[in-house]
PDB file of N, CA and C in Angstrom:
ATOM      1  N   MET A   1      -6.050  23.733  24.787  1.00  0.00           N
ATOM      2  CA  MET A   1      -5.694  22.835  23.943  1.00  0.00           C
ATOM      3  C   MET A   1      -5.231  23.758  22.706  1.00  0.00           C
ATOM      4  N   ALA A   2      -4.210  23.116  22.147  1.00  0.00           N
ATOM      5  CA  ALA A   2      -3.781  23.962  20.797  1.00  0.00           C
ATOM      6  C   ALA A   2      -4.739  24.023  19.501  1.00  0.00           C
ATOM      7  N   SER A   3      -4.653  24.633  18.875  1.00  0.00           N
ATOM      8  CA  SER A   3      -5.500  24.772  17.850  1.00  0.00           C
ATOM      9  C   SER A   3      -4.626  24.455  16.535  1.00  0.00           C
ATOM     10  N   LEU A   4      -5.129  24.287  15.278  1.00  0.00           N
ATOM     11  CA  LEU A   4      -4.604  23.836  14.122  1.00  0.00           C
ATOM     12  C   LEU A   4      -3.475  25.134  13.649  1.00  0.00           C
ATOM     13  N   GLN A   5      -4.139  26.480  13.934  1.00  0.00           N
ATOM     14  CA  GLN A   5      -3.368  27.557  13.426  1.00  0.00           C
ATOM     15  C   GLN A   5      -2.194  27.621  14.758  1.00  0.00           C
ATOM     16  N   ASP A   6      -2.530  27.441  15.811  1.00  0.00           N
ATOM     17  CA  ASP A   6      -1.152  27.360  16.599  1.00  0.00           C
ATOM     18  C   ASP A   6       0.054  26.384  16.103  1.00  0.00           C
ATOM     19  N   LEU A   7      -0.525  25.126  15.850  1.00  0.00           N
ATOM     20  CA  LEU A   7       0.360  24.240  15.569  1.00  0.00           C
ATOM     21  C   LEU A   7       0.827  24.379  14.120  1.00  0.00           C
ATOM     22  N   ALA A   8       0.390  25.079  13.408  1.00  0.00           N
ATOM     23  CA  ALA A   8       0.938  25.485  12.016  1.00  0.00           C
ATOM     24  C   ALA A   8       2.192  26.309  12.119  1.00  0.00           C
ATOM     25  N   GLY A   9       2.301  27.018  13.331  1.00  0.00           N
ATOM     26  CA  GLY A   9       3.490  27.995  13.759  1.00  0.00           C
ATOM     27  C   GLY A   9       4.365  27.135  14.601  1.00  0.00           C
ATOM     28  N   CYS A  10       4.072  26.225  15.079  1.00  0.00           N
ATOM     29  CA  CYS A  10       5.077  25.403  16.058  1.00  0.00           C
ATOM     30  C   CYS A  10       6.548  25.151  15.409  1.00  0.00           C
ATOM     31  N   SER A  11       7.161  24.781  16.504  1.00  0.00           N
ATOM     32  CA  SER A  11       8.717  24.719  16.111  1.00  0.00           C
ATOM     33  C   SER A  11       9.031  23.459  15.727  1.00  0.00           C
ATOM     34  N   SER A  12       8.141  22.484  15.812  1.00  0.00           N
ATOM     35  CA  SER A  12       8.128  21.033  15.266  1.00  0.00           C
ATOM     36  C   SER A  12       7.827  20.914  13.863  1.00  0.00           C
ATOM     37  N   PRO A  13       8.780  20.855  13.057  1.00  0.00           N
ATOM     38  CA  PRO A  13       8.349  20.939  11.369  1.00  0.00           C
ATOM     39  C   PRO A  13       7.436  19.786  11.093  1.00  0.00           C
ATOM     40  N   TRP A  14       7.329  18.643  11.692  1.00  0.00           N
ATOM     41  CA  TRP A  14       6.449  17.443  11.471  1.00  0.00           C
ATOM     42  C   TRP A  14       5.039  17.970  11.752  1.00  0.00           C
ATOM     43  N   ALA A  15       4.938  18.852  12.889  1.00  0.00           N
ATOM     44  CA  ALA A  15       3.589  18.949  13.197  1.00  0.00           C
ATOM     45  C   ALA A  15       3.004  20.267  12.770  1.00  0.00           C
ATOM     46  N   ALA A  16       3.883  21.032  12.305  1.00  0.00           N
ATOM     47  CA  ALA A  16       3.530  22.529  11.468  1.00  0.00           C
ATOM     48  C   ALA A  16       2.936  21.748  10.206  1.00  0.00           C
ATOM     49  N   LYS A  17       3.823  21.131   9.635  1.00  0.00           N
ATOM     50  CA  LYS A  17       3.351  20.563   8.275  1.00  0.00           C
ATOM     51  C   LYS A  17       1.892  20.030   8.204  1.00  0.00           C
ATOM     52  N   ARG A  18       1.627  18.979   9.298  1.00  0.00           N
ATOM     53  CA  ARG A  18       0.457  18.464   9.338  1.00  0.00           C
ATOM     54  C   ARG A  18      -0.686  19.215   9.690  1.00  0.00           C
ATOM     55  N   ALA A  19      -0.323  20.078  10.339  1.00  0.00           N
ATOM     56  CA  ALA A  19      -1.431  21.253  10.747  1.00  0.00           C
ATOM     57  C   ALA A  19      -1.741  22.106   9.693  1.00  0.00           C
ATOM     58  N   LYS A  20      -0.688  22.655   8.838  1.00  0.00           N
ATOM     59  CA  LYS A  20      -1.112  23.252   7.690  1.00  0.00           C
ATOM     60  C   LYS A  20      -2.049  22.333   6.686  1.00  0.00           C
ATOM     61  N   LEU A  21      -1.545  21.267   6.383  1.00  0.00           N
ATOM     62  CA  LEU A  21      -2.188  20.223   5.558  1.00  0.00           C
ATOM     63  C   LEU A  21      -3.672  20.234   6.112  1.00  0.00           C
ATOM     64  N   ALA A  22      -4.112  20.269   7.398  1.00  0.00           N
ATOM     65  CA  ALA A  22      -5.411  19.981   7.788  1.00  0.00           C
ATOM     66  C   ALA A  22      -6.151  21.450   7.660  1.00  0.00           C
ATOM     67  N   LEU A  23      -5.424  22.371   7.842  1.00  0.00           N
ATOM     68  CA  LEU A  23      -6.067  23.747   7.343  1.00  0.00           C
ATOM     69  C   LEU A  23      -6.448  23.829   5.995  1.00  0.00           C
ATOM     70  N   ASP A  24      -5.724  23.369   5.194  1.00  0.00           N
ATOM     71  CA  ASP A  24      -5.744  23.408   3.755  1.00  0.00           C
ATOM     72  C   ASP A  24      -7.191  22.269   3.402  1.00  0.00           C
ATOM     73  N   ILE A  25      -7.212  21.300   4.163  1.00  0.00           N
ATOM     74  CA  ILE A  25      -8.057  20.407   3.817  1.00  0.00           C
ATOM     75  C   ILE A  25      -9.477  21.005   4.354  1.00  0.00           C
ATOM     76  N   GLN A  26      -9.453  21.691   5.530  1.00  0.00           N
ATOM     77  CA  GLN A  26     -10.515  22.259   6.017  1.00  0.00           C
ATOM     78  C   GLN A  26     -11.056  23.314   4.866  1.00  0.00           C
ATOM     79  N   SER A  27     -10.188  24.214   4.182  1.00  0.00           N
ATOM     80  CA  SER A  27     -10.286  25.057   3.439  1.00  0.00           C
ATOM     81  C   SER A  27     -11.215  24.762   2.151  1.00  0.00           C
ATOM     82  N   GLN A  28     -10.563  23.614   1.616  1.00  0.00           N
ATOM     83  CA  GLN A  28     -10.961  22.898   0.554  1.00  0.00           C
ATOM     84  C   GLN A  28     -12.556  22.296   0.765  1.00  0.00           C
ATOM     85  N   ARG A  29     -12.732  21.671   1.798  1.00  0.00           N
ATOM     86  CA  ARG A  29     -13.949  21.240   2.395  1.00  0.00           C
ATOM     87  C   ARG A  29     -14.790  22.201   2.201  1.00  0.00           C
ATOM     88  N   ASN A  30     -14.564  23.527   2.800  1.00  0.00           N
ATOM     89  CA  ASN A  30     -15.447  24.575   3.198  1.00  0.00           C
ATOM     90  C   ASN A  30     -15.810  25.256   1.640  1.00  0.00           C
ATOM     91  N   SER A  31     -14.874  25.300   0.790  1.00  0.00           N
ATOM     92  CA  SER A  31     -15.131  25.850  -0.539  1.00  0.00           C
ATOM     93  C   SER A  31     -15.915  24.580  -1.623  1.00  0.00           C
ATOM     94  N   GLY A  32     -16.225  23.702  -0.867  1.00  0.00           N
ATOM     95  CA  GLY A  32     -16.579  22.495  -1.736  1.00  0.00           C
ATOM     96  C   GLY A  32     -16.038  21.667  -2.727  1.00  0.00           C
ATOM     97  N   ALA A  33     -14.643  21.884  -2.662  1.00  0.00           N
ATOM     98  CA  ALA A  33     -13.552  21.389  -3.407  1.00  0.00           C
ATOM     99  C   ALA A  33     -13.545  19.737  -2.744  1.00  0.00           C
ATOM    100  N   LEU A  34     -13.823  19.500  -1.745  1.00  0.00           N
ATOM    101  CA  LEU A  34     -13.800  18.069  -0.939  1.00  0.00           C
ATOM    102  C   LEU A  34     -15.240  17.915  -0.428  1.00  0.00           C
ATOM    103  N   SER A  35     -15.457  16.476  -0.757  1.00  0.00           N
ATOM    104  CA  SER A  35     -16.844  16.277   0.006  1.00  0.00           C
ATOM    105  C   SER A  35     -16.339  15.848   1.755  1.00  0.00           C
ATOM    106  N   PRO A  36     -17.504  15.814   2.195  1.00  0.00           N
ATOM    107  CA  PRO A  36     -17.284  15.562   3.885  1.00  0.00           C
ATOM    108  C   PRO A  36     -16.329  14.156   3.908  1.00  0.00           C
ATOM    109  N   ALA A  37     -16.742  13.333   3.323  1.00  0.00           N
ATOM    110  CA  ALA A  37     -15.962  12.075   3.446  1.00  0.00           C
ATOM    111  C   ALA A  37     -14.709  12.027   2.839  1.00  0.00           C
ATOM    112  N   GLU A  38     -14.458  12.653   1.788  1.00  0.00           N
ATOM    113  CA  GLU A  38     -13.118  12.871   1.363  1.00  0.00           C
ATOM    114  C   GLU A  38     -12.213  13.772   2.200  1.00  0.00           C
ATOM    115  N   ALA A  39     -12.625  14.699   3.002  1.00  0.00           N
ATOM    116  CA  ALA A  39     -12.110  15.493   3.738  1.00  0.00           C
ATOM    117  C   ALA A  39     -11.588  14.739   5.020  1.00  0.00           C
ATOM    118  N   ALA A  40     -12.599  13.832   5.398  1.00  0.00           N
ATOM    119  CA  ALA A  40     -12.733  13.163   6.825  1.00  0.00           C
ATOM    120  C   ALA A  40     -11.487  11.972   6.575  1.00  0.00           C
ATOM    121  N   GLU A  41     -11.164  11.642   5.382  1.00  0.00           N
ATOM    122  CA  GLU A  41     -10.488  10.483   4.999  1.00  0.00           C
ATOM    123  C   GLU A  41      -8.809  11.116   4.976  1.00  0.00           C
ATOM    124  N   LEU A  42      -8.947  12.163   4.413  1.00  0.00           N
ATOM    125  CA  LEU A  42      -7.502  12.956   4.439  1.00  0.00           C
ATOM    126  C   LEU A  42      -7.135  13.457   5.800  1.00  0.00           C
ATOM    127  N   MET A  43      -8.006  13.754   6.625  1.00  0.00           N
ATOM    128  CA  MET A  43      -7.839  14.219   7.947  1.00  0.00           C
ATOM    129  C   MET A  43      -7.126  12.923   8.758  1.00  0.00           C
ATOM    130  N   GLU A  44      -7.795  11.899   8.402  1.00  0.00           N
ATOM    131  CA  GLU A  44      -7.383  10.688   9.437  1.00  0.00           C
ATOM    132  C   GLU A  44      -6.108  10.058   8.742  1.00  0.00           C
ATOM    133  N   ASP A  45      -5.854  10.116   7.644  1.00  0.00           N
ATOM    134  CA  ASP A  45      -4.255   9.946   7.116  1.00  0.00           C
ATOM    135  C   ASP A  45      -3.117  10.986   7.753  1.00  0.00           C
ATOM    136  N   LEU A  46      -3.560  12.038   8.075  1.00  0.00           N
ATOM    137  CA  LEU A  46      -2.681  13.156   8.674  1.00  0.00           C
ATOM    138  C   LEU A  46      -2.140  12.644  10.225  1.00  0.00           C
ATOM    139  N   ILE A  47      -2.924  11.855  10.749  1.00  0.00           N
ATOM    140  CA  ILE A  47      -2.926  11.230  12.012  1.00  0.00           C
ATOM    141  C   ILE A  47      -2.757   9.709  11.984  1.00  0.00           C
ATOM    142  N   ALA A  48      -2.367   9.258  10.861  1.00  0.00           N
ATOM    143  CA  ALA A  48      -1.982   7.705  10.697  1.00  0.00           C
ATOM    144  C   ALA A  48      -1.023   7.314  11.840  1.00  0.00           C
ATOM    145  N   THR A  49      -1.376   6.169  12.799  1.00  0.00           N
ATOM    146  CA  THR A  49      -0.266   6.020  13.789  1.00  0.00           C
ATOM    147  C   THR A  49       0.853   5.930  13.285  1.00  0.00           C
ATOM    148  N   ASP A  50       1.094   4.803  12.665  1.00  0.00           N
ATOM    149  CA  ASP A  50       2.657   4.554  12.082  1.00  0.00           C
ATOM    150  C   ASP A  50       3.374   5.667  11.672  1.00  0.00           C
ATOM    151  N   GLN A  51       2.792   6.195  10.734  1.00  0.00           N
ATOM    152  CA  GLN A  51       3.529   7.612  10.146  1.00  0.00           C
ATOM    153  C   GLN A  51       3.862   8.602  10.934  1.00  0.00           C
ATOM    154  N   LEU A  52       2.911   8.810  11.954  1.00  0.00           N
ATOM    155  CA  LEU A  52       3.305   9.871  12.884  1.00  0.00           C
ATOM    156  C   LEU A  52       4.104   9.616  13.942  1.00  0.00           C
ATOM    157  N   ASN A  53       4.085   8.388  14.307  1.00  0.00           N
ATOM    158  CA  ASN A  53       4.884   7.797  15.523  1.00  0.00           C
ATOM    159  C   ASN A  53       6.549   7.820  14.854  1.00  0.00           C
ATOM    160  N   GLU A  54       6.765   7.499  13.550  1.00  0.00           N
ATOM    161  CA  GLU A  54       8.003   7.732  13.207  1.00  0.00           C
ATOM    162  C   GLU A  54       8.375   8.947  13.074  1.00  0.00           C
ATOM    163  N   GLU A  55       7.690  10.184  12.840  1.00  0.00           N
ATOM    164  CA  GLU A  55       8.261  11.546  13.137  1.00  0.00           C
ATOM    165  C   GLU A  55       7.887  12.140  14.194  1.00  0.00           C
ATOM    166  N   ALA A  56       6.959  11.898  15.055  1.00  0.00           N
ATOM    167  CA  ALA A  56       6.839  12.607  16.252  1.00  0.00           C
ATOM    168  C   ALA A  56       8.100  12.343  17.214  1.00  0.00           C
ATOM    169  N   ASP A  57       8.646  13.625  17.728  1.00  0.00           N
ATOM    170  CA  ASP A  57       9.515  13.638  18.764  1.00  0.00           C
ATOM    171  C   ASP A  57       9.323  14.212  19.827  1.00  0.00           C
ATOM    172  N   ASP A  58       8.160  14.454  20.066  1.00  0.00           N
ATOM    173  CA  ASP A  58       7.413  15.568  21.247  1.00  0.00           C
ATOM    174  C   ASP A  58       6.024  14.875  21.458  1.00  0.00           C
ATOM    175  N   MET A  59       6.023  14.010  22.419  1.00  0.00           N
ATOM    176  CA  MET A  59       4.791  13.385  22.770  1.00  0.00           C
ATOM    177  C   MET A  59       3.506  14.559  22.935  1.00  0.00           C
ATOM    178  N   ALA A  60       3.863  15.702  23.688  1.00  0.00           N
ATOM    179  CA  ALA A  60       2.702  16.631  23.904  1.00  0.00           C
ATOM    180  C   ALA A  60       2.301  17.110  22.675  1.00  0.00           C
ATOM    181  N   VAL A  61       3.306  17.592  21.551  1.00  0.00           N
ATOM    182  CA  VAL A  61       3.012  18.473  20.402  1.00  0.00           C
ATOM    183  C   VAL A  61       2.206  17.107  19.695  1.00  0.00           C
ATOM    184  N   LYS A  62       2.360  15.968  19.889  1.00  0.00           N
ATOM    185  CA  LYS A  62       1.850  14.935  18.924  1.00  0.00           C
ATOM    186  C   LYS A  62       0.573  14.495  19.500  1.00  0.00           C
ATOM    187  N   ALA A  63       0.158  14.728  20.750  1.00  0.00           N
ATOM    188  CA  ALA A  63      -1.215  14.703  21.346  1.00  0.00           C
ATOM    189  C   ALA A  63      -2.222  15.882  21.167  1.00  0.00           C
ATOM    190  N   ALA A  64      -1.559  17.166  21.123  1.00  0.00           N
ATOM    191  CA  ALA A  64      -2.084  18.179  20.634  1.00  0.00           C
ATOM    192  C   ALA A  64      -2.728  18.256  19.220  1.00  0.00           C
ATOM    193  N   LEU A  65      -1.722  17.706  18.296  1.00  0.00           N
ATOM    194  CA  LEU A  65      -2.014  17.684  16.699  1.00  0.00           C
ATOM    195  C   LEU A  65      -3.265  16.807  16.674  1.00  0.00           C
ATOM    196  N   VAL A  66      -3.010  15.511  17.381  1.00  0.00           N
ATOM    197  CA  VAL A  66      -3.975  14.365  16.971  1.00  0.00           C
ATOM    198  C   VAL A  66      -5.294  14.906  17.630  1.00  0.00           C
ATOM    199  N   SER A  67      -5.513  15.872  18.435  1.00  0.00           N
ATOM    200  CA  SER A  67      -6.687  16.162  19.308  1.00  0.00           C
ATOM    201  C   SER A  67      -7.157  17.315  18.319  1.00  0.00           C
ATOM    202  N   ALA A  68      -6.270  18.176  17.838  1.00  0.00           N
ATOM    203  CA  ALA A  68      -6.783  19.121  17.027  1.00  0.00           C
ATOM    204  C   ALA A  68      -7.335  18.636  15.777  1.00  0.00           C
ATOM    205  N   ILE A  69      -6.667  17.718  15.316  1.00  0.00           N
ATOM    206  CA  ILE A  69      -7.375  17.042  13.807  1.00  0.00           C
ATOM    207  C   ILE A  69      -8.666  16.581  14.024  1.00  0.00           C
ATOM    208  N   ASN A  70      -8.792  16.017  15.239  1.00  0.00           N
ATOM    209  CA  ASN A  70      -9.855  15.057  15.392  1.00  0.00           C
ATOM    210  C   ASN A  70     -10.970  16.073  15.898  1.00  0.00           C
ATOM    211  N   ILE A  71     -10.892  16.917  16.388  1.00  0.00           N
ATOM    212  CA  ILE A  71     -11.844  18.034  16.688  1.00  0.00           C
ATOM    213  C   ILE A  71     -12.092  18.602  15.267  1.00  0.00           C
ATOM    214  N   ALA A  72     -11.077  19.133  14.408  1.00  0.00           N
ATOM    215  CA  ALA A  72     -11.509  19.685  13.183  1.00  0.00           C
ATOM    216  C   ALA A  72     -12.328  18.568  12.260  1.00  0.00           C
ATOM    217  N   SER A  73     -12.179  17.593  12.299  1.00  0.00           N
ATOM    218  CA  SER A  73     -12.630  16.420  11.455  1.00  0.00           C
ATOM    219  C   SER A  73     -14.148  16.388  11.752  1.00  0.00           C
ATOM    220  N   LYS A  74     -14.476  16.514  13.074  1.00  0.00           N
ATOM    221  CA  LYS A  74     -15.733  16.406  13.517  1.00  0.00           C
ATOM    222  C   LYS A  74     -16.577  17.751  13.166  1.00  0.00           C
ATOM    223  N   LEU A  75     -16.003  18.849  12.823  1.00  0.00           N
ATOM    224  CA  LEU A  75     -16.514  20.037  12.480  1.00  0.00           C
ATOM    225  C   LEU A  75     -16.733  20.150  11.049  1.00  0.00           C
ATOM    226  N   LEU A  76     -16.259  19.052  10.448  1.00  0.00           N
ATOM    227  CA  LEU A  76     -16.450  19.260   8.784  1.00  0.00           C
ATOM    228  C   LEU A  76     -17.953  18.986   8.562  1.00  0.00           C
TER     229      LEU A  76
END
């Protein structure tokens, strides 16, 4: 399973951007700048189906990204 760190450095710009944003959200949540509810909502926005479907060109990377963000959301 791919982690957000791995995806942040992947060759798919749309996935790398979203993974970096997810890592930033985690960091802000851990520092107290975001509440758990705010962080969870922002994570959900990163994998909003319509937006992601428009950008995603690799279904395996998309699945890995969605999985990694869902796991990260549960750990917040």
